[in-house]
Amino acid sequence: MTYTAVQVSGLSKQYRIGATGPAYRTFREAIVERARGALRRPLSAPIAPSIWALRDVSFAVEAGEVVGVIGRNGAGKSTLLKVLSRITRPTEGRVEVRGRVASLLEVGTGFHSELTGRENVFLNAAILGMKRAEIVRKFDDIVAFAEVAPFVDTPVKHYSSGMYLRLAFAVAAHLDPHVLLLDEVLAVGDAAFQKKCLGKMGEVARSGRTVLFVSHNLAAVRALCKQCVYLETGRVRAVGPTEEVLDLYARSGAMRAAVRWTREGEAAVASGPRITGVELVGLTQPLVRVDQPLRVAVDYVLDAPGPAIPGLHFLNSDGTILFSSADWSLDALAAGAHRGVCEVPPFLLPAGAITVEPYLYDSSRPGTNELARDWVRDALTFEVEDSAWVEATRRRWLRPWPGMVRPKLPWSRPA
C-alpha cells in the first residue's frame, strides 16, 4: 500500500544572526533587576538581523522512495533534515513524517573517546534510536561491517580516524526505521570503504524504506535516487526525476566558476583551525588547459601554535573525487594566518568542470583522531579545456578522453 511518508508544506526556517539568550542570574540579581526596572523607563532591545535558511519549501515523498537532496553550500539541505528530524522547529509551515524516523546528520555523534568500541556501539546506537535488544542482535554485524573486530574492546581514542569513521557509519547503516535521513554519510573512510557504504545504502534503498539522502556526491545520488529535490538559497528550485534535476543543477551555474573563494560572515571569525580561502594562483579567469600547470593555494588560520594539515580534493562534475593532496610536512606553525600552495602538474586533470574542496586537519591534539577539521564543500569550480596542440595530436579521436584523470605517460618502442 502506497502512502505519503514525508509531507513538507510551506516550510520556512529563520535564524537570528548573533542573537544570544539572557545570561543566567541568581535569585538576588533577579529581584534587584526587577526593582530597577520599576524605576526606569523600559528601552526596546535592538533587533538582531536574521536570515531565512529555508523559505516556503514544499514537496512530498512516497513510502519506499529514495530521494536525493542537492544544492550548494548554504542552500538549506542540512537545515531541512534537522527540521524533519525534529532537532529544530520550523518558523513557518508544516512537516508530517509517518513512521519511525532515524537520522544520521553527523557521523560519530555520540561517540566518547574514553569508551571502548563495544561501549560506543551501544551508546551511539541508543542515541540513534535503537533498543538494547536490537543492538545486541545486530552487534556482530556492525563490528564485522566496520572491520574492527580485533579492537572492539579498545578505547576509540586509540583508533585511527578511518577505524573511528567506519564504526560510526556501521552503527547508522544498521538502523531499521521507516524513514531514514542521511546527510553526507558516504564521505567517510577510504575508497574501498566508500564503495562498501554505497552498497549498503543500495540495500537500504531496495528494502523499501523511505530515504532522504543529502550529498554532494552526484554520482552516488544518481546511483541511489530516482527522485531529487534541488534547493537553492533556501528555496525549492526543482523536484523531479534525478537525471532531469541533476541536468538542471549542472546547467544552472550551481557550480559557480571562480578563481578565488573567501569565507565571510560568522564562519570567518569562528574559533578553531579553519579554512579562510582558496585560490587558483596566477589565473584571471577560471579556465586552464590540460597541458598547463596549476597552482592552488589554501589559506587557513590557527588559534594556537602547532602542526596542521591543509589539503585539497579535486572532483569532477559528478562529485567524484579524482584525487586528493595534502601537506603532510607536520611542521610546527605559529598561531595566525597561513597559506599552503599545491602544485598540479600538466596533463593530469581531465577536460571539463573541476571542483576544488579545501580541508584542514588539526593534528595538534592527541586523541582526537584528527577529526577536528574544517572542510569547505564546492568552494570553487573551474574549467579544464584541451589545448590546440592536444586537439591536433589527437587527430581523428573526437570523443571525450576516457578516464578519471589523463596523465601524459612515457611510451617507448623497443627494438
Protein backbone atom coordinates (compact mmCIF):
# COMPACT_ATOMS: atom_id res chain seq x y z
CA MET A 1 0.00 0.00 0.00
CA THR A 2 1.43 3.33 -1.10
CA TYR A 3 1.15 6.35 1.17
CA THR A 4 2.91 9.67 1.66
CA ALA A 5 5.73 9.12 4.14
CA VAL A 6 7.04 12.70 4.21
CA GLN A 7 4.92 15.78 3.51
CA VAL A 8 6.54 19.23 3.64
CA SER A 9 4.16 22.18 3.20
CA GLY A 10 5.27 25.82 3.12
CA LEU A 11 8.25 25.12 5.36
CA SER A 12 10.37 28.12 6.40
CA LYS A 13 13.16 28.39 8.96
CA GLN A 14 14.57 31.68 10.20
CA TYR A 15 17.74 32.17 12.23
CA ARG A 16 18.81 35.25 14.16
CA ILE A 17 22.42 36.25 13.42
CA GLY A 18 24.37 36.94 16.57
CA ALA A 19 21.32 36.66 18.81
CA THR A 20 22.03 35.29 22.26
CA GLY A 21 19.80 34.39 25.15
CA PRO A 22 19.95 36.15 28.51
CA ALA A 23 22.72 35.16 30.91
CA TYR A 24 21.85 33.05 33.95
CA ARG A 25 21.18 35.18 37.06
CA THR A 26 20.93 34.48 40.75
CA PHE A 27 17.62 34.96 42.59
CA ARG A 28 19.06 38.08 44.26
CA GLU A 29 20.11 39.56 40.89
CA ALA A 30 16.63 38.91 39.50
CA ILE A 31 14.99 40.82 42.39
CA VAL A 32 17.40 43.77 42.04
CA GLU A 33 16.85 43.91 38.28
CA ARG A 34 13.09 43.82 38.78
CA ALA A 35 13.29 46.73 41.25
CA ARG A 36 15.47 48.76 38.92
CA GLY A 37 13.09 48.12 36.07
CA ALA A 38 10.22 49.62 38.01
CA LEU A 39 12.17 52.86 38.44
CA ARG A 40 13.23 53.45 34.89
CA ARG A 41 11.60 53.64 31.51
CA PRO A 42 11.99 50.39 29.58
CA LEU A 43 14.14 50.52 26.49
CA SER A 44 13.41 48.42 23.44
CA ALA A 45 16.10 45.85 22.77
CA PRO A 46 17.84 46.02 19.40
CA ILE A 47 16.51 43.51 16.91
CA ALA A 48 19.16 41.05 15.74
CA PRO A 49 19.45 40.63 11.96
CA SER A 50 18.06 37.40 10.60
CA ILE A 51 18.39 35.05 7.64
CA TRP A 52 15.96 32.55 6.13
CA ALA A 53 17.71 29.18 5.85
CA LEU A 54 14.53 27.75 4.28
CA ARG A 55 11.73 29.66 2.61
CA ASP A 56 8.36 28.23 1.54
CA VAL A 57 9.67 24.70 0.85
CA SER A 58 7.05 22.17 -0.26
CA PHE A 59 7.36 18.61 -1.56
CA ALA A 60 6.14 15.08 -0.82
CA VAL A 61 7.93 11.72 -0.63
CA GLU A 62 6.02 8.48 -1.12
CA ALA A 63 6.74 5.49 1.10
CA GLY A 64 9.63 3.40 -0.25
CA GLU A 65 11.12 6.22 -2.33
CA VAL A 66 14.78 7.20 -2.13
CA VAL A 67 15.00 10.94 -2.74
CA GLY A 68 18.20 12.93 -3.14
CA VAL A 69 18.52 16.47 -1.81
CA ILE A 70 21.11 18.54 -3.68
CA GLY A 71 22.31 22.13 -3.74
CA ARG A 72 25.32 24.30 -2.97
CA ASN A 73 26.64 25.13 0.50
CA GLY A 74 24.09 27.25 2.33
CA ALA A 75 21.19 26.04 0.21
CA GLY A 76 19.37 24.71 3.30
CA LYS A 77 19.85 20.96 2.85
CA SER A 78 21.10 20.19 6.36
CA THR A 79 18.57 22.56 7.90
CA LEU A 80 15.80 20.68 6.10
CA LEU A 81 16.93 17.36 7.60
CA LYS A 82 17.24 18.90 11.06
CA VAL A 83 13.63 20.08 10.85
CA LEU A 84 12.48 16.66 9.62
CA SER A 85 14.45 15.05 12.47
CA ARG A 86 12.76 17.38 14.98
CA ILE A 87 16.15 18.71 16.08
CA THR A 88 14.94 22.21 15.31
CA ARG A 89 11.44 23.66 14.96
CA PRO A 90 10.18 25.32 11.78
CA THR A 91 9.46 29.04 11.86
CA GLU A 92 6.57 28.63 9.44
CA GLY A 93 4.85 25.79 7.63
CA ARG A 94 4.16 22.19 8.45
CA VAL A 95 6.06 18.88 8.32
CA GLU A 96 4.47 15.42 8.56
CA VAL A 97 6.59 12.27 8.78
CA ARG A 98 4.86 8.91 9.16
CA GLY A 99 6.58 6.02 10.93
CA ARG A 100 9.77 5.64 12.94
CA VAL A 101 12.41 8.16 11.92
CA ALA A 102 16.17 7.75 12.21
CA SER A 103 18.72 10.31 11.12
CA LEU A 104 22.46 10.40 10.59
CA LEU A 105 23.34 14.06 10.30
CA GLU A 106 26.93 13.84 11.54
CA VAL A 107 28.97 10.64 11.55
CA GLY A 108 30.28 9.86 15.01
CA THR A 109 27.78 11.91 17.01
CA GLY A 110 27.58 10.35 20.46
CA PHE A 111 30.99 8.66 20.40
CA HIS A 112 33.15 9.12 23.51
CA SER A 113 36.92 8.80 23.15
CA GLU A 114 37.41 7.17 26.57
CA LEU A 115 34.91 4.36 25.91
CA THR A 116 35.72 1.18 24.01
CA GLY A 117 34.37 0.38 20.57
CA ARG A 118 31.85 -2.02 22.13
CA GLU A 119 30.63 0.58 24.62
CA ASN A 120 30.39 3.23 21.92
CA VAL A 121 28.32 0.95 19.70
CA PHE A 122 25.73 0.57 22.44
CA LEU A 123 25.84 4.27 23.33
CA ASN A 124 25.73 5.56 19.76
CA ALA A 125 23.04 3.12 18.65
CA ALA A 126 20.87 4.13 21.62
CA ILE A 127 21.28 7.81 20.69
CA LEU A 128 20.20 6.98 17.15
CA GLY A 129 17.05 5.27 18.42
CA MET A 130 17.83 1.54 18.63
CA LYS A 131 16.58 -0.57 21.55
CA ARG A 132 19.09 -2.66 23.53
CA ALA A 133 17.74 -5.99 22.27
CA GLU A 134 18.08 -4.73 18.69
CA ILE A 135 21.66 -3.58 19.34
CA VAL A 136 22.60 -6.99 20.83
CA ARG A 137 21.08 -8.76 17.82
CA LYS A 138 22.97 -6.61 15.30
CA PHE A 139 26.21 -6.11 17.24
CA ASP A 140 28.26 -8.76 15.41
CA ASP A 141 27.09 -7.49 12.01
CA ILE A 142 28.01 -3.91 12.95
CA VAL A 143 31.52 -4.88 14.07
CA ALA A 144 32.08 -7.08 11.01
CA PHE A 145 30.94 -4.31 8.66
CA ALA A 146 33.30 -1.82 10.33
CA GLU A 147 36.20 -4.32 10.19
CA VAL A 148 37.29 -3.51 13.77
CA ALA A 149 36.68 -6.87 15.50
CA PRO A 150 40.23 -7.20 16.96
CA PHE A 151 39.94 -3.75 18.53
CA VAL A 152 36.32 -3.71 19.68
CA ASP A 153 37.32 -3.65 23.37
CA THR A 154 39.94 -0.93 22.88
CA PRO A 155 39.08 2.71 23.72
CA VAL A 156 38.31 4.55 20.50
CA LYS A 157 40.83 7.28 21.35
CA HIS A 158 43.44 4.76 20.17
CA TYR A 159 41.64 4.16 16.84
CA SER A 160 42.83 5.66 13.60
CA SER A 161 40.47 8.19 12.03
CA GLY A 162 39.46 5.57 9.44
CA MET A 163 38.54 2.97 12.09
CA TYR A 164 36.57 5.57 14.04
CA LEU A 165 34.56 6.63 10.98
CA ARG A 166 33.95 3.05 9.84
CA LEU A 167 32.49 2.09 13.21
CA ALA A 168 30.31 5.21 13.38
CA PHE A 169 28.89 4.59 9.91
CA ALA A 170 28.38 0.89 10.59
CA VAL A 171 26.10 1.70 13.53
CA ALA A 172 23.98 4.07 11.47
CA ALA A 173 23.88 1.72 8.49
CA HIS A 174 22.21 -0.99 10.59
CA LEU A 175 19.28 1.12 11.77
CA ASP A 176 15.86 -0.22 10.83
CA PRO A 177 13.49 2.79 10.65
CA HIS A 178 10.57 3.54 8.36
CA VAL A 179 12.16 6.86 7.29
CA LEU A 180 15.93 7.32 7.14
CA LEU A 181 17.52 10.79 6.85
CA LEU A 182 21.17 10.80 5.72
CA ASP A 183 23.49 13.81 5.44
CA GLU A 184 26.81 13.23 3.64
CA VAL A 185 27.27 9.77 5.15
CA LEU A 186 29.29 8.47 2.20
CA ALA A 187 32.10 10.95 2.81
CA VAL A 188 33.87 8.59 5.21
CA GLY A 189 36.82 6.24 5.06
CA ASP A 190 38.93 5.26 2.09
CA ALA A 191 37.76 4.47 -1.45
CA ALA A 192 37.15 0.79 -0.69
CA PHE A 193 35.00 1.55 2.35
CA GLN A 194 33.08 4.27 0.49
CA LYS A 195 32.21 1.64 -2.12
CA LYS A 196 31.07 -0.65 0.70
CA CYS A 197 28.96 2.17 2.17
CA LEU A 198 27.35 2.79 -1.21
CA GLY A 199 26.48 -0.90 -1.47
CA LYS A 200 24.90 -0.82 1.99
CA MET A 201 22.84 2.23 1.10
CA GLY A 202 21.73 0.38 -2.01
CA GLU A 203 20.45 -2.44 0.20
CA VAL A 204 18.57 0.11 2.32
CA ALA A 205 17.01 1.58 -0.80
CA ARG A 206 15.94 -1.82 -2.12
CA SER A 207 14.44 -2.84 1.23
CA GLY A 208 11.52 -0.49 0.71
CA ARG A 209 12.46 2.06 3.35
CA THR A 210 11.92 5.76 2.67
CA VAL A 211 15.23 7.61 2.43
CA LEU A 212 16.15 11.29 2.10
CA PHE A 213 19.78 11.47 1.07
CA VAL A 214 21.74 14.75 1.17
CA SER A 215 25.04 14.55 -0.69
CA HIS A 216 27.47 16.50 -2.85
CA ASN A 217 28.46 13.21 -4.47
CA LEU A 218 26.25 13.41 -7.55
CA ALA A 219 27.38 10.00 -8.77
CA ALA A 220 26.03 8.45 -5.55
CA VAL A 221 22.80 10.44 -5.88
CA ARG A 222 22.41 9.21 -9.45
CA ALA A 223 23.04 5.60 -8.40
CA LEU A 224 20.69 5.57 -5.39
CA CYS A 225 17.88 8.03 -6.08
CA LYS A 226 15.06 8.07 -8.61
CA GLN A 227 13.78 11.48 -7.50
CA CYS A 228 15.61 14.64 -6.41
CA VAL A 229 14.87 17.89 -4.62
CA TYR A 230 17.11 20.77 -5.71
CA LEU A 231 17.42 23.58 -3.14
CA GLU A 232 18.85 26.97 -3.98
CA THR A 233 19.29 29.69 -1.32
CA GLY A 234 16.67 28.05 0.86
CA ARG A 235 14.00 27.61 -1.80
CA VAL A 236 12.97 24.67 -3.96
CA ARG A 237 14.38 25.15 -7.45
CA ALA A 238 13.15 21.83 -8.82
CA VAL A 239 11.61 18.48 -7.83
CA GLY A 240 11.52 15.56 -10.22
CA PRO A 241 13.37 12.63 -11.80
CA THR A 242 17.02 12.52 -10.81
CA GLU A 243 18.54 12.88 -14.28
CA GLU A 244 16.40 15.92 -15.09
CA VAL A 245 17.15 17.66 -11.80
CA LEU A 246 20.90 16.91 -11.97
CA ASP A 247 21.00 18.25 -15.51
CA LEU A 248 19.31 21.47 -14.36
CA TYR A 249 21.75 21.70 -11.44
CA ALA A 250 24.73 21.40 -13.78
CA ARG A 251 23.32 23.92 -16.29
CA SER A 252 22.11 26.48 -13.76
CA GLY A 253 25.54 27.66 -12.71
CA ALA A 254 25.13 25.99 -9.31
CA MET A 255 28.78 25.01 -9.51
CA ARG A 256 29.84 28.65 -9.90
CA ALA A 257 33.16 29.17 -11.65
CA ALA A 258 35.68 31.36 -9.83
CA VAL A 259 39.42 31.80 -9.28
CA ARG A 260 39.04 32.73 -5.60
CA TRP A 261 36.75 31.77 -2.72
CA THR A 262 36.85 33.60 0.60
CA ARG A 263 34.98 32.70 3.75
CA GLU A 264 32.84 35.54 5.01
CA GLY A 265 30.49 36.25 7.89
CA GLU A 266 30.40 34.38 11.19
CA ALA A 267 32.34 31.39 9.89
CA ALA A 268 35.31 33.65 9.12
CA VAL A 269 35.67 34.67 12.77
CA ALA A 270 34.78 31.31 14.32
CA SER A 271 37.21 29.65 16.68
CA GLY A 272 39.38 26.64 15.96
CA PRO A 273 41.56 25.72 12.96
CA ARG A 274 39.67 26.87 9.87
CA ILE A 275 39.92 27.47 6.15
CA THR A 276 39.60 31.13 5.16
CA GLY A 277 40.11 30.93 1.41
CA VAL A 278 41.24 29.03 -1.65
CA GLU A 279 42.68 30.49 -4.87
CA LEU A 280 43.79 29.47 -8.36
CA VAL A 281 47.12 31.31 -8.23
CA GLY A 282 48.01 33.48 -11.21
CA LEU A 283 44.74 32.98 -13.11
CA THR A 284 42.40 35.84 -14.02
CA GLN A 285 39.60 33.55 -15.18
CA PRO A 286 38.57 30.03 -14.09
CA LEU A 287 39.99 28.33 -17.15
CA VAL A 288 43.10 26.18 -17.57
CA ARG A 289 44.41 23.99 -20.40
CA VAL A 290 45.18 20.33 -19.90
CA ASP A 291 48.84 20.98 -20.83
CA GLN A 292 49.13 23.85 -18.35
CA PRO A 293 50.42 23.51 -14.75
CA LEU A 294 48.16 24.78 -11.99
CA ARG A 295 48.90 26.22 -8.54
CA VAL A 296 46.11 26.13 -5.93
CA ALA A 297 46.56 28.00 -2.63
CA VAL A 298 44.78 27.21 0.64
CA ASP A 299 44.53 29.98 3.24
CA TYR A 300 43.90 28.91 6.83
CA VAL A 301 44.07 30.19 10.40
CA LEU A 302 45.32 28.54 13.60
CA ASP A 303 44.26 29.84 17.01
CA ALA A 304 47.19 28.17 18.75
CA PRO A 305 50.71 27.11 17.69
CA GLY A 306 51.12 23.57 16.41
CA PRO A 307 51.12 21.36 13.33
CA ALA A 308 48.25 21.41 10.85
CA ILE A 309 47.49 19.54 7.64
CA PRO A 310 45.89 21.55 4.81
CA GLY A 311 44.71 19.65 1.77
CA LEU A 312 42.60 19.71 -1.38
CA HIS A 313 40.08 17.42 -3.03
CA PHE A 314 39.68 17.68 -6.81
CA LEU A 315 36.26 16.48 -8.02
CA ASN A 316 34.57 16.07 -11.38
CA SER A 317 31.05 17.28 -12.22
CA ASP A 318 29.55 14.10 -10.71
CA GLY A 319 31.08 14.88 -7.34
CA THR A 320 33.56 12.02 -7.63
CA ILE A 321 36.95 12.75 -6.04
CA LEU A 322 39.53 12.44 -8.81
CA PHE A 323 42.42 12.72 -6.38
CA SER A 324 43.40 14.42 -3.14
CA SER A 325 46.61 16.04 -1.95
CA ALA A 326 47.69 17.26 1.49
CA ASP A 327 50.73 18.87 3.10
CA TRP A 328 51.98 16.15 5.44
CA SER A 329 55.13 18.00 6.50
CA LEU A 330 53.67 18.43 10.02
CA ASP A 331 55.88 21.45 10.69
CA ALA A 332 55.11 23.35 13.88
CA LEU A 333 53.34 26.57 12.89
CA ALA A 334 52.75 29.76 14.81
CA ALA A 335 49.24 30.91 15.65
CA GLY A 336 47.77 33.12 12.94
CA ALA A 337 47.19 33.08 9.20
CA HIS A 338 49.00 30.67 6.87
CA ARG A 339 48.99 29.70 3.20
CA GLY A 340 49.80 26.37 1.57
CA VAL A 341 50.25 26.02 -2.18
CA CYS A 342 49.65 22.79 -4.11
CA GLU A 343 51.37 22.29 -7.47
CA VAL A 344 49.28 20.34 -10.01
CA PRO A 345 51.35 19.18 -12.99
CA PRO A 346 50.14 19.49 -16.59
CA PHE A 347 48.40 16.57 -18.28
CA LEU A 348 46.73 15.32 -15.10
CA LEU A 349 43.31 16.94 -14.92
CA PRO A 350 40.72 15.79 -17.49
CA ALA A 351 38.84 18.25 -19.66
CA GLY A 352 35.60 19.51 -18.13
CA ALA A 353 34.40 21.15 -14.92
CA ILE A 354 36.64 20.56 -11.88
CA THR A 355 35.60 21.50 -8.34
CA VAL A 356 38.08 22.21 -5.55
CA GLU A 357 37.31 21.47 -1.90
CA PRO A 358 39.91 22.60 0.69
CA TYR A 359 40.13 20.85 4.06
CA LEU A 360 42.17 21.22 7.23
CA TYR A 361 43.09 18.65 9.87
CA ASP A 362 44.04 19.71 13.36
CA SER A 363 46.76 17.28 14.40
CA SER A 364 47.87 19.25 17.46
CA ARG A 365 45.65 17.48 19.99
CA PRO A 366 46.29 13.75 20.62
CA GLY A 367 43.22 11.55 20.97
CA THR A 368 41.02 13.49 18.55
CA ASN A 369 41.62 11.04 15.67
CA GLU A 370 42.28 14.13 13.52
CA LEU A 371 38.51 14.70 13.34
CA ALA A 372 38.64 18.36 14.41
CA ARG A 373 38.81 19.60 10.85
CA ASP A 374 37.33 22.17 8.52
CA TRP A 375 36.10 21.10 5.09
CA VAL A 376 34.59 23.53 2.56
CA ARG A 377 32.29 21.84 0.07
CA ASP A 378 32.13 23.15 -3.51
CA ALA A 379 34.47 26.05 -2.70
CA LEU A 380 35.11 26.92 -6.34
CA THR A 381 34.86 25.40 -9.80
CA PHE A 382 36.99 25.94 -12.90
CA GLU A 383 37.02 24.58 -16.43
CA VAL A 384 39.78 22.48 -17.99
CA GLU A 385 39.97 22.62 -21.78
CA ASP A 386 42.01 20.81 -24.39
CA SER A 387 44.79 22.89 -25.93
CA ALA A 388 45.20 23.33 -29.68
CA TRP A 389 48.29 21.08 -29.59
CA VAL A 390 46.35 18.31 -27.85
CA GLU A 391 43.45 18.61 -30.31
CA ALA A 392 45.87 18.45 -33.24
CA THR A 393 47.74 15.40 -31.96
CA ARG A 394 44.53 13.55 -31.20
CA ARG A 395 43.67 13.86 -34.90
CA ARG A 396 40.58 11.75 -35.53
CA TRP A 397 39.83 10.94 -31.89
CA LEU A 398 36.81 13.21 -31.49
CA ARG A 399 35.21 11.74 -28.40
CA PRO A 400 35.96 12.95 -24.85
CA TRP A 401 39.13 11.45 -23.45
CA PRO A 402 38.15 8.48 -21.23
CA GLY A 403 39.21 8.05 -17.63
CA MET A 404 39.08 9.96 -14.37
CA VAL A 405 42.46 11.63 -14.96
CA ARG A 406 44.55 11.94 -18.11
CA PRO A 407 48.28 11.80 -17.30
CA LYS A 408 50.81 12.08 -20.10
CA LEU A 409 52.86 8.93 -19.53
CA PRO A 410 56.16 7.98 -21.22
CA TRP A 411 55.97 5.44 -24.04
CA SER A 412 58.79 3.63 -25.84
CA ARG A 413 59.22 1.40 -28.88
CA PRO A 414 61.71 -1.38 -28.01
CA ALA A 415 63.60 -2.67 -30.99
